[in-house]
Amino acid sequence: MKETKENLRALFLEKRLILSPAVREESSLAIANQCLKLPIWGFEYFHLFLPITKKAEVNTSFVLTILQARDKNIVLPKITPGDSLTSILLTDSIEIIKNKWEIPEPERGIPIAPSMLDVVFVPLLGYDTFGNRVGYGKGFYDDFLKSCKPNILKIGLSFFKPIRKIQGIHPEDIPLDYCVTPKEIYQF
């Protein structure tokens, strides 16, 4: 099979879906613990995605708990009516709803400028040894990351190791700086 984005989307989604819920939870906790080894804890503003349950994404609630325990400013992604990504500050009064893609997001809240962010946890389906990632194909995060400061740290979270190389990477695709798995941290 060619390792194109389209083929990899189906492959990695299938790989995630066949993991048992218990394995996904255990692996998500291991990923959060691995995140403690990253050189990110001096930063203040963290953009963290919430998982799409039906797509068996990494449960980021464990990372969220660590960020809260370290008193970090946490922002959550929200897709605006023009289909672009914005960041909303997580506060006690935030109400989380699911949008038309079943993505949990804040219903409303205080927007945070992309230039304020230090670290972005980026959702993905798969990635390669060069830090290129395969998302769901909507381009939300590539567009969003272009509006962030150039030195923002981009961190993927995955249950799996990288593949060698994704075919069909475009110049506008923004690679990751790190990807965290249950057993390893890959730096690109």
N, C-alpha and C. Protein backbone atom coordinates (compact mmCIF):
# COMPACT_ATOMS: atom_id res chain seq x y z
N MET A 1 0.84 -1.19 0.00
CA MET A 1 0.00 0.00 0.00
C MET A 1 0.88 1.25 0.00
N LYS A 2 0.54 2.21 -0.87
CA LYS A 2 1.27 3.48 -0.88
C LYS A 2 0.94 4.25 0.39
N GLU A 3 1.93 4.91 0.91
CA GLU A 3 1.74 5.63 2.16
C GLU A 3 1.33 7.08 1.88
N THR A 4 0.21 7.23 1.16
CA THR A 4 -0.36 8.55 0.90
C THR A 4 -1.23 8.94 2.08
N LYS A 5 -1.52 10.22 2.17
CA LYS A 5 -2.36 10.70 3.27
C LYS A 5 -3.70 9.98 3.29
N GLU A 6 -4.31 9.81 2.13
CA GLU A 6 -5.63 9.18 2.07
C GLU A 6 -5.59 7.75 2.60
N ASN A 7 -4.60 6.98 2.14
CA ASN A 7 -4.47 5.59 2.61
C ASN A 7 -4.16 5.53 4.10
N LEU A 8 -3.30 6.43 4.55
CA LEU A 8 -2.91 6.42 5.96
C LEU A 8 -4.05 6.83 6.88
N ARG A 9 -4.92 7.73 6.42
CA ARG A 9 -6.08 8.11 7.25
C ARG A 9 -6.89 6.86 7.60
N ALA A 10 -7.21 6.09 6.59
CA ALA A 10 -8.02 4.88 6.81
C ALA A 10 -7.26 3.87 7.67
N LEU A 11 -5.99 3.66 7.39
CA LEU A 11 -5.18 2.68 8.11
C LEU A 11 -5.08 3.02 9.59
N PHE A 12 -4.71 4.26 9.91
CA PHE A 12 -4.51 4.62 11.32
C PHE A 12 -5.82 4.72 12.08
N LEU A 13 -6.89 5.14 11.41
CA LEU A 13 -8.18 5.15 12.09
C LEU A 13 -8.59 3.72 12.44
N GLU A 14 -8.40 2.80 11.51
CA GLU A 14 -8.72 1.40 11.76
C GLU A 14 -7.86 0.84 12.90
N LYS A 15 -6.56 1.17 12.90
CA LYS A 15 -5.67 0.70 13.96
C LYS A 15 -6.12 1.19 15.34
N ARG A 16 -6.57 2.45 15.39
CA ARG A 16 -7.03 3.00 16.67
C ARG A 16 -8.32 2.32 17.11
N LEU A 17 -9.23 2.13 16.16
CA LEU A 17 -10.54 1.57 16.51
C LEU A 17 -10.47 0.12 16.99
N ILE A 18 -9.44 -0.62 16.56
CA ILE A 18 -9.35 -2.01 17.02
C ILE A 18 -8.70 -2.14 18.40
N LEU A 19 -8.12 -1.06 18.90
CA LEU A 19 -7.61 -1.09 20.28
C LEU A 19 -8.81 -1.13 21.23
N SER A 20 -8.70 -1.91 22.26
CA SER A 20 -9.80 -1.96 23.23
C SER A 20 -9.86 -0.63 23.99
N PRO A 21 -11.03 -0.27 24.52
CA PRO A 21 -11.11 0.94 25.34
C PRO A 21 -10.12 0.94 26.50
N ALA A 22 -9.90 -0.21 27.11
CA ALA A 22 -8.95 -0.30 28.23
C ALA A 22 -7.52 0.00 27.77
N VAL A 23 -7.14 -0.53 26.62
CA VAL A 23 -5.79 -0.28 26.08
C VAL A 23 -5.64 1.20 25.71
N ARG A 24 -6.68 1.79 25.13
CA ARG A 24 -6.62 3.22 24.78
C ARG A 24 -6.46 4.08 26.03
N GLU A 25 -7.19 3.75 27.09
CA GLU A 25 -7.08 4.53 28.33
C GLU A 25 -5.69 4.38 28.96
N GLU A 26 -5.23 3.14 29.04
CA GLU A 26 -3.90 2.89 29.62
C GLU A 26 -2.81 3.59 28.79
N SER A 27 -2.93 3.52 27.48
CA SER A 27 -1.96 4.16 26.59
C SER A 27 -2.04 5.68 26.69
N SER A 28 -3.25 6.22 26.83
CA SER A 28 -3.42 7.67 26.97
C SER A 28 -2.76 8.17 28.26
N LEU A 29 -2.89 7.40 29.33
CA LEU A 29 -2.23 7.76 30.59
C LEU A 29 -0.71 7.69 30.43
N ALA A 30 -0.22 6.68 29.74
CA ALA A 30 1.23 6.56 29.51
C ALA A 30 1.74 7.73 28.67
N ILE A 31 0.96 8.15 27.69
CA ILE A 31 1.34 9.31 26.86
C ILE A 31 1.43 10.56 27.73
N ALA A 32 0.44 10.77 28.60
CA ALA A 32 0.47 11.93 29.49
C ALA A 32 1.71 11.90 30.37
N ASN A 33 2.05 10.73 30.90
CA ASN A 33 3.25 10.62 31.74
C ASN A 33 4.52 10.90 30.94
N GLN A 34 4.55 10.47 29.68
CA GLN A 34 5.70 10.78 28.81
C GLN A 34 5.82 12.29 28.59
N CYS A 35 4.68 12.97 28.51
CA CYS A 35 4.70 14.43 28.30
C CYS A 35 5.46 15.16 29.40
N LEU A 36 5.51 14.55 30.59
CA LEU A 36 6.26 15.16 31.70
C LEU A 36 7.74 15.28 31.39
N LYS A 37 8.24 14.49 30.43
CA LYS A 37 9.66 14.52 30.05
C LYS A 37 9.97 15.58 29.00
N LEU A 38 8.95 16.21 28.43
CA LEU A 38 9.16 17.22 27.39
C LEU A 38 9.70 18.52 28.00
N PRO A 39 10.48 19.29 27.22
CA PRO A 39 11.01 20.56 27.72
C PRO A 39 10.00 21.71 27.54
N ILE A 40 8.82 21.55 28.11
CA ILE A 40 7.75 22.52 27.88
C ILE A 40 7.23 23.17 29.16
N TRP A 41 7.70 22.74 30.29
CA TRP A 41 7.04 23.11 31.53
C TRP A 41 7.34 24.52 32.02
N GLY A 42 8.24 25.23 31.35
CA GLY A 42 8.48 26.63 31.68
C GLY A 42 7.53 27.57 30.94
N PHE A 43 6.74 27.03 30.02
CA PHE A 43 5.82 27.84 29.24
C PHE A 43 4.50 28.04 29.99
N GLU A 44 3.69 28.99 29.49
CA GLU A 44 2.45 29.35 30.19
C GLU A 44 1.17 29.00 29.44
N TYR A 45 1.16 29.16 28.10
CA TYR A 45 -0.08 28.99 27.34
C TYR A 45 -0.03 27.72 26.49
N PHE A 46 -0.96 26.80 26.77
CA PHE A 46 -1.01 25.50 26.12
C PHE A 46 -2.36 25.32 25.42
N HIS A 47 -2.30 25.01 24.14
CA HIS A 47 -3.50 24.72 23.34
C HIS A 47 -3.65 23.20 23.32
N LEU A 48 -4.78 22.70 23.82
CA LEU A 48 -4.98 21.25 23.95
C LEU A 48 -6.30 20.86 23.31
N PHE A 49 -6.23 19.90 22.38
CA PHE A 49 -7.47 19.41 21.76
C PHE A 49 -8.17 18.44 22.71
N LEU A 50 -9.48 18.38 22.58
CA LEU A 50 -10.27 17.39 23.30
C LEU A 50 -10.57 16.25 22.33
N PRO A 51 -10.56 15.00 22.79
CA PRO A 51 -10.64 13.87 21.87
C PRO A 51 -12.03 13.64 21.28
N ILE A 52 -12.03 13.18 20.03
CA ILE A 52 -13.25 12.73 19.38
C ILE A 52 -13.39 11.25 19.77
N THR A 53 -14.31 10.96 20.64
CA THR A 53 -14.47 9.61 21.19
C THR A 53 -14.72 8.58 20.10
N LYS A 54 -15.61 8.88 19.17
CA LYS A 54 -15.97 7.87 18.16
C LYS A 54 -14.82 7.59 17.19
N LYS A 55 -13.79 8.44 17.21
CA LYS A 55 -12.61 8.20 16.37
C LYS A 55 -11.44 7.65 17.20
N ALA A 56 -11.72 7.28 18.44
CA ALA A 56 -10.75 6.61 19.32
C ALA A 56 -9.45 7.40 19.47
N GLU A 57 -9.57 8.73 19.58
CA GLU A 57 -8.38 9.56 19.75
C GLU A 57 -7.78 9.38 21.15
N VAL A 58 -6.53 9.79 21.28
CA VAL A 58 -5.86 9.79 22.59
C VAL A 58 -6.71 10.62 23.55
N ASN A 59 -6.96 10.06 24.73
CA ASN A 59 -7.72 10.77 25.75
C ASN A 59 -6.81 11.81 26.39
N THR A 60 -7.05 13.06 26.06
CA THR A 60 -6.19 14.14 26.54
C THR A 60 -6.57 14.63 27.94
N SER A 61 -7.56 14.01 28.57
CA SER A 61 -7.93 14.45 29.91
C SER A 61 -6.77 14.28 30.90
N PHE A 62 -5.92 13.30 30.66
CA PHE A 62 -4.76 13.10 31.54
C PHE A 62 -3.75 14.24 31.39
N VAL A 63 -3.53 14.68 30.15
CA VAL A 63 -2.63 15.83 29.90
C VAL A 63 -3.26 17.08 30.52
N LEU A 64 -4.56 17.22 30.35
CA LEU A 64 -5.28 18.37 30.92
C LEU A 64 -5.09 18.43 32.43
N THR A 65 -5.20 17.30 33.10
CA THR A 65 -5.02 17.25 34.55
C THR A 65 -3.61 17.70 34.94
N ILE A 66 -2.61 17.26 34.19
CA ILE A 66 -1.22 17.67 34.47
C ILE A 66 -1.07 19.18 34.29
N LEU A 67 -1.62 19.71 33.21
CA LEU A 67 -1.53 21.15 32.95
C LEU A 67 -2.22 21.94 34.07
N GLN A 68 -3.38 21.48 34.50
CA GLN A 68 -4.09 22.16 35.59
C GLN A 68 -3.30 22.09 36.89
N ALA A 69 -2.70 20.94 37.17
CA ALA A 69 -1.92 20.78 38.41
C ALA A 69 -0.70 21.70 38.42
N ARG A 70 -0.21 22.04 37.23
CA ARG A 70 0.96 22.93 37.13
C ARG A 70 0.54 24.38 36.90
N ASP A 71 -0.75 24.64 37.05
CA ASP A 71 -1.30 25.99 36.98
C ASP A 71 -1.01 26.70 35.65
N LYS A 72 -1.13 25.95 34.55
CA LYS A 72 -0.90 26.51 33.22
C LYS A 72 -2.20 27.10 32.66
N ASN A 73 -2.05 28.05 31.76
CA ASN A 73 -3.20 28.58 31.02
C ASN A 73 -3.49 27.61 29.89
N ILE A 74 -4.69 27.05 29.91
CA ILE A 74 -5.08 26.05 28.92
C ILE A 74 -6.12 26.67 28.01
N VAL A 75 -5.88 26.52 26.72
CA VAL A 75 -6.86 26.98 25.75
C VAL A 75 -7.33 25.79 24.93
N LEU A 76 -8.59 25.82 24.56
CA LEU A 76 -9.20 24.73 23.80
C LEU A 76 -9.56 25.23 22.41
N PRO A 77 -9.46 24.36 21.41
CA PRO A 77 -9.83 24.78 20.06
C PRO A 77 -11.33 24.86 19.88
N LYS A 78 -11.74 25.83 19.07
CA LYS A 78 -13.14 25.96 18.66
C LYS A 78 -13.13 26.30 17.17
N ILE A 79 -13.96 25.61 16.42
CA ILE A 79 -14.07 25.90 14.99
C ILE A 79 -15.13 26.97 14.82
N THR A 80 -14.74 28.08 14.19
CA THR A 80 -15.65 29.20 13.99
C THR A 80 -16.52 28.96 12.76
N PRO A 81 -17.60 29.74 12.61
CA PRO A 81 -18.49 29.54 11.46
C PRO A 81 -17.79 29.56 10.10
N GLY A 82 -16.69 30.27 9.95
CA GLY A 82 -15.94 30.28 8.69
C GLY A 82 -15.00 29.10 8.55
N ASP A 83 -15.15 28.09 9.42
CA ASP A 83 -14.31 26.89 9.42
C ASP A 83 -12.83 27.19 9.63
N SER A 84 -12.56 28.08 10.58
CA SER A 84 -11.18 28.28 11.01
C SER A 84 -11.13 28.00 12.51
N LEU A 85 -9.93 27.80 13.00
CA LEU A 85 -9.74 27.40 14.39
C LEU A 85 -9.41 28.63 15.23
N THR A 86 -10.05 28.72 16.38
CA THR A 86 -9.72 29.76 17.34
C THR A 86 -9.43 29.09 18.68
N SER A 87 -8.83 29.81 19.59
CA SER A 87 -8.49 29.26 20.90
C SER A 87 -9.30 29.97 21.99
N ILE A 88 -9.93 29.17 22.84
CA ILE A 88 -10.76 29.70 23.92
C ILE A 88 -10.13 29.28 25.25
N LEU A 89 -9.95 30.27 26.14
CA LEU A 89 -9.37 30.01 27.46
C LEU A 89 -10.28 29.10 28.27
N LEU A 90 -9.71 28.05 28.83
CA LEU A 90 -10.46 27.13 29.68
C LEU A 90 -10.65 27.79 31.04
N THR A 91 -11.90 27.97 31.42
CA THR A 91 -12.26 28.52 32.73
C THR A 91 -13.27 27.57 33.37
N ASP A 92 -13.57 27.82 34.63
CA ASP A 92 -14.53 26.98 35.35
C ASP A 92 -15.92 27.03 34.73
N SER A 93 -16.25 28.14 34.05
CA SER A 93 -17.60 28.30 33.52
C SER A 93 -17.76 27.82 32.08
N ILE A 94 -16.72 27.26 31.49
CA ILE A 94 -16.79 26.79 30.10
C ILE A 94 -17.75 25.62 29.98
N GLU A 95 -18.61 25.70 28.97
CA GLU A 95 -19.50 24.59 28.66
C GLU A 95 -18.99 23.94 27.38
N ILE A 96 -18.78 22.63 27.41
CA ILE A 96 -18.27 21.88 26.26
C ILE A 96 -19.44 21.26 25.52
N ILE A 97 -19.48 21.47 24.20
CA ILE A 97 -20.49 20.86 23.34
C ILE A 97 -19.77 20.16 22.19
N LYS A 98 -20.50 19.33 21.44
CA LYS A 98 -19.92 18.69 20.25
C LYS A 98 -20.40 19.45 19.01
N ASN A 99 -19.44 19.75 18.12
CA ASN A 99 -19.81 20.46 16.90
C ASN A 99 -20.29 19.47 15.83
N LYS A 100 -20.47 19.93 14.61
CA LYS A 100 -21.04 19.08 13.55
C LYS A 100 -20.14 17.91 13.17
N TRP A 101 -18.85 17.97 13.53
CA TRP A 101 -17.93 16.86 13.27
C TRP A 101 -17.75 15.97 14.50
N GLU A 102 -18.56 16.20 15.54
CA GLU A 102 -18.48 15.46 16.80
C GLU A 102 -17.23 15.82 17.61
N ILE A 103 -16.64 16.98 17.33
CA ILE A 103 -15.45 17.43 18.06
C ILE A 103 -15.92 18.19 19.30
N PRO A 104 -15.50 17.78 20.50
CA PRO A 104 -15.86 18.54 21.70
C PRO A 104 -15.13 19.89 21.68
N GLU A 105 -15.88 20.95 21.95
CA GLU A 105 -15.30 22.29 21.95
C GLU A 105 -16.09 23.20 22.89
N PRO A 106 -15.49 24.31 23.31
CA PRO A 106 -16.22 25.25 24.16
C PRO A 106 -17.36 25.89 23.37
N GLU A 107 -18.50 26.04 24.03
CA GLU A 107 -19.61 26.70 23.35
C GLU A 107 -19.28 28.17 23.11
N ARG A 108 -18.69 28.81 24.10
CA ARG A 108 -18.26 30.21 23.99
C ARG A 108 -17.21 30.44 25.06
N GLY A 109 -16.57 31.59 25.00
CA GLY A 109 -15.58 31.89 26.02
C GLY A 109 -14.65 33.00 25.60
N ILE A 110 -13.58 33.15 26.33
CA ILE A 110 -12.61 34.22 26.10
C ILE A 110 -11.61 33.77 25.05
N PRO A 111 -11.58 34.44 23.88
CA PRO A 111 -10.61 34.05 22.86
C PRO A 111 -9.19 34.47 23.25
N ILE A 112 -8.24 33.63 22.90
CA ILE A 112 -6.82 33.91 23.15
C ILE A 112 -6.14 34.00 21.79
N ALA A 113 -5.37 35.05 21.58
CA ALA A 113 -4.69 35.25 20.29
C ALA A 113 -3.66 34.14 20.07
N PRO A 114 -3.53 33.64 18.84
CA PRO A 114 -2.53 32.61 18.55
C PRO A 114 -1.11 33.03 18.94
N SER A 115 -0.83 34.32 18.89
CA SER A 115 0.51 34.81 19.24
C SER A 115 0.83 34.62 20.73
N MET A 116 -0.18 34.38 21.55
CA MET A 116 0.03 34.16 22.99
C MET A 116 0.44 32.72 23.30
N LEU A 117 0.16 31.81 22.38
CA LEU A 117 0.38 30.39 22.65
C LEU A 117 1.85 30.01 22.61
N ASP A 118 2.24 29.10 23.50
CA ASP A 118 3.61 28.58 23.54
C ASP A 118 3.69 27.16 23.00
N VAL A 119 2.66 26.36 23.29
CA VAL A 119 2.65 24.93 22.94
C VAL A 119 1.28 24.59 22.37
N VAL A 120 1.29 23.82 21.27
CA VAL A 120 0.03 23.32 20.70
C VAL A 120 0.12 21.80 20.63
N PHE A 121 -0.81 21.13 21.29
CA PHE A 121 -0.96 19.69 21.13
C PHE A 121 -1.85 19.49 19.91
N VAL A 122 -1.30 18.83 18.90
CA VAL A 122 -1.95 18.72 17.60
C VAL A 122 -2.54 17.33 17.42
N PRO A 123 -3.84 17.24 17.10
CA PRO A 123 -4.41 15.91 16.85
C PRO A 123 -3.88 15.35 15.53
N LEU A 124 -3.82 14.04 15.45
CA LEU A 124 -3.34 13.41 14.22
C LEU A 124 -3.87 11.99 14.13
N LEU A 125 -3.79 11.47 12.93
CA LEU A 125 -4.08 10.05 12.71
C LEU A 125 -2.77 9.28 12.62
N GLY A 126 -1.81 9.80 11.86
CA GLY A 126 -0.51 9.17 11.72
C GLY A 126 0.54 10.24 11.48
N TYR A 127 1.81 9.82 11.50
CA TYR A 127 2.92 10.75 11.30
C TYR A 127 4.12 9.96 10.82
N ASP A 128 5.13 10.69 10.32
CA ASP A 128 6.31 10.01 9.82
C ASP A 128 7.56 10.44 10.58
N THR A 129 8.69 9.86 10.21
CA THR A 129 9.95 10.10 10.92
C THR A 129 10.49 11.52 10.69
N PHE A 130 9.81 12.29 9.84
CA PHE A 130 10.22 13.68 9.59
C PHE A 130 9.31 14.67 10.32
N GLY A 131 8.32 14.15 11.07
CA GLY A 131 7.41 15.02 11.79
C GLY A 131 6.19 15.44 10.99
N ASN A 132 6.07 14.95 9.76
CA ASN A 132 4.88 15.25 8.97
C ASN A 132 3.73 14.43 9.53
N ARG A 133 2.55 15.02 9.54
CA ARG A 133 1.41 14.33 10.11
C ARG A 133 0.28 14.19 9.11
N VAL A 134 -0.58 13.24 9.39
CA VAL A 134 -1.81 13.05 8.64
C VAL A 134 -2.94 13.36 9.62
N GLY A 135 -3.73 14.37 9.27
CA GLY A 135 -4.91 14.69 10.06
C GLY A 135 -6.14 14.18 9.33
N TYR A 136 -7.25 14.83 9.60
CA TYR A 136 -8.51 14.40 8.97
C TYR A 136 -8.74 15.04 7.60
N GLY A 137 -7.83 15.91 7.18
CA GLY A 137 -7.90 16.44 5.83
C GLY A 137 -8.62 17.77 5.68
N LYS A 138 -9.03 18.38 6.77
CA LYS A 138 -9.74 19.66 6.68
C LYS A 138 -8.78 20.85 6.70
N GLY A 139 -7.54 20.64 7.15
CA GLY A 139 -6.54 21.71 7.17
C GLY A 139 -6.67 22.70 8.31
N PHE A 140 -7.52 22.41 9.31
CA PHE A 140 -7.72 23.34 10.41
C PHE A 140 -6.41 23.68 11.12
N TYR A 141 -5.64 22.66 11.47
CA TYR A 141 -4.44 22.91 12.25
C TYR A 141 -3.31 23.52 11.42
N ASP A 142 -3.15 23.13 10.16
CA ASP A 142 -2.12 23.77 9.34
C ASP A 142 -2.40 25.26 9.20
N ASP A 143 -3.65 25.61 8.95
CA ASP A 143 -4.02 27.03 8.84
C ASP A 143 -3.82 27.76 10.17
N PHE A 144 -4.25 27.11 11.25
CA PHE A 144 -4.12 27.70 12.58
C PHE A 144 -2.65 27.93 12.95
N LEU A 145 -1.81 26.94 12.71
CA LEU A 145 -0.40 27.04 13.09
C LEU A 145 0.33 28.16 12.34
N LYS A 146 -0.13 28.47 11.14
CA LYS A 146 0.47 29.59 10.38
C LYS A 146 0.24 30.92 11.08
N SER A 147 -0.82 31.01 11.89
CA SER A 147 -1.13 32.26 12.59
C SER A 147 -0.42 32.35 13.95
N CYS A 148 0.24 31.29 14.36
CA CYS A 148 0.97 31.27 15.64
C CYS A 148 2.38 31.81 15.45
N LYS A 149 3.04 32.09 16.56
CA LYS A 149 4.43 32.57 16.46
C LYS A 149 5.31 31.47 15.87
N PRO A 150 6.37 31.86 15.17
CA PRO A 150 7.19 30.87 14.45
C PRO A 150 7.82 29.80 15.35
N ASN A 151 8.11 30.13 16.60
CA ASN A 151 8.80 29.17 17.47
C ASN A 151 7.85 28.37 18.35
N ILE A 152 6.56 28.38 18.03
CA ILE A 152 5.60 27.61 18.83
C ILE A 152 5.96 26.13 18.76
N LEU A 153 5.83 25.43 19.87
CA LEU A 153 6.12 24.00 19.89
C LEU A 153 4.87 23.23 19.50
N LYS A 154 5.01 22.36 18.53
CA LYS A 154 3.91 21.56 17.99
C LYS A 154 4.13 20.10 18.39
N ILE A 155 3.20 19.57 19.18
CA ILE A 155 3.37 18.25 19.76
C ILE A 155 2.19 17.36 19.35
N GLY A 156 2.49 16.25 18.70
CA GLY A 156 1.48 15.26 18.38
C GLY A 156 1.41 14.21 19.48
N LEU A 157 0.27 13.56 19.58
CA LEU A 157 0.06 12.48 20.54
C LEU A 157 -0.45 11.28 19.76
N SER A 158 0.22 10.14 19.90
CA SER A 158 -0.17 8.97 19.10
C SER A 158 0.03 7.69 19.89
N PHE A 159 -0.84 6.73 19.61
CA PHE A 159 -0.68 5.40 20.18
C PHE A 159 0.43 4.61 19.48
N PHE A 160 0.85 5.07 18.29
CA PHE A 160 1.70 4.27 17.42
C PHE A 160 3.02 4.96 17.08
N LYS A 161 3.97 4.14 16.62
CA LYS A 161 5.26 4.64 16.13
C LYS A 161 5.05 5.34 14.78
N PRO A 162 6.02 6.15 14.36
CA PRO A 162 5.89 6.79 13.05
C PRO A 162 6.11 5.80 11.91
N ILE A 163 5.55 6.12 10.75
CA ILE A 163 5.91 5.38 9.55
C ILE A 163 7.16 6.06 8.98
N ARG A 164 7.79 5.44 8.01
CA ARG A 164 9.03 6.00 7.47
C ARG A 164 8.78 7.35 6.80
N LYS A 165 7.90 7.40 5.81
CA LYS A 165 7.68 8.65 5.10
C LYS A 165 6.28 8.70 4.50
N ILE A 166 5.58 9.81 4.74
CA ILE A 166 4.27 10.04 4.15
C ILE A 166 4.48 10.60 2.75
N GLN A 167 3.79 10.02 1.79
CA GLN A 167 3.85 10.51 0.41
C GLN A 167 2.86 11.66 0.25
N GLY A 168 3.20 12.64 -0.61
CA GLY A 168 2.26 13.71 -0.94
C GLY A 168 2.19 14.83 0.07
N ILE A 169 3.28 15.09 0.77
CA ILE A 169 3.32 16.22 1.70
C ILE A 169 3.34 17.51 0.87
N HIS A 170 2.55 18.49 1.29
CA HIS A 170 2.47 19.77 0.59
C HIS A 170 3.32 20.81 1.31
N PRO A 171 3.78 21.84 0.60
CA PRO A 171 4.60 22.87 1.24
C PRO A 171 3.89 23.58 2.39
N GLU A 172 2.55 23.65 2.35
CA GLU A 172 1.81 24.33 3.42
C GLU A 172 1.60 23.44 4.65
N ASP A 173 1.95 22.16 4.56
CA ASP A 173 1.84 21.26 5.71
C ASP A 173 2.93 21.61 6.72
N ILE A 174 2.54 21.80 7.96
CA ILE A 174 3.49 22.20 9.01
C ILE A 174 3.85 20.99 9.84
N PRO A 175 5.15 20.63 9.89
CA PRO A 175 5.55 19.45 10.66
C PRO A 175 5.53 19.68 12.17
N LEU A 176 5.49 18.57 12.88
CA LEU A 176 5.55 18.58 14.34
C LEU A 176 6.98 18.80 14.81
N ASP A 177 7.11 19.24 16.06
CA ASP A 177 8.42 19.28 16.73
C ASP A 177 8.66 18.00 17.51
N TYR A 178 7.58 17.45 18.06
CA TYR A 178 7.63 16.22 18.85
C TYR A 178 6.38 15.40 18.57
N CYS A 179 6.48 14.10 18.78
CA CYS A 179 5.30 13.25 18.88
C CYS A 179 5.53 12.31 20.06
N VAL A 180 4.52 12.24 20.92
CA VAL A 180 4.62 11.46 22.14
C VAL A 180 3.76 10.20 21.99
N THR A 181 4.38 9.06 22.26
CA THR A 181 3.68 7.78 22.24
C THR A 181 3.74 7.19 23.65
N PRO A 182 3.07 6.08 23.90
CA PRO A 182 3.11 5.52 25.26
C PRO A 182 4.52 5.15 25.74
N LYS A 183 5.42 4.82 24.80
CA LYS A 183 6.75 4.35 25.20
C LYS A 183 7.91 5.25 24.78
N GLU A 184 7.66 6.17 23.85
CA GLU A 184 8.76 6.98 23.32
C GLU A 184 8.31 8.40 23.01
N ILE A 185 9.29 9.31 22.98
CA ILE A 185 9.09 10.66 22.49
C ILE A 185 9.96 10.80 21.26
N TYR A 186 9.34 11.18 20.15
CA TYR A 186 10.09 11.41 18.92
C TYR A 186 10.27 12.92 18.75
N GLN A 187 11.52 13.31 18.48
CA GLN A 187 11.81 14.74 18.24
C GLN A 187 12.23 14.88 16.79
N PHE A 188 11.70 15.90 16.13
CA PHE A 188 11.97 16.10 14.70
C PHE A 188 12.78 17.37 14.47
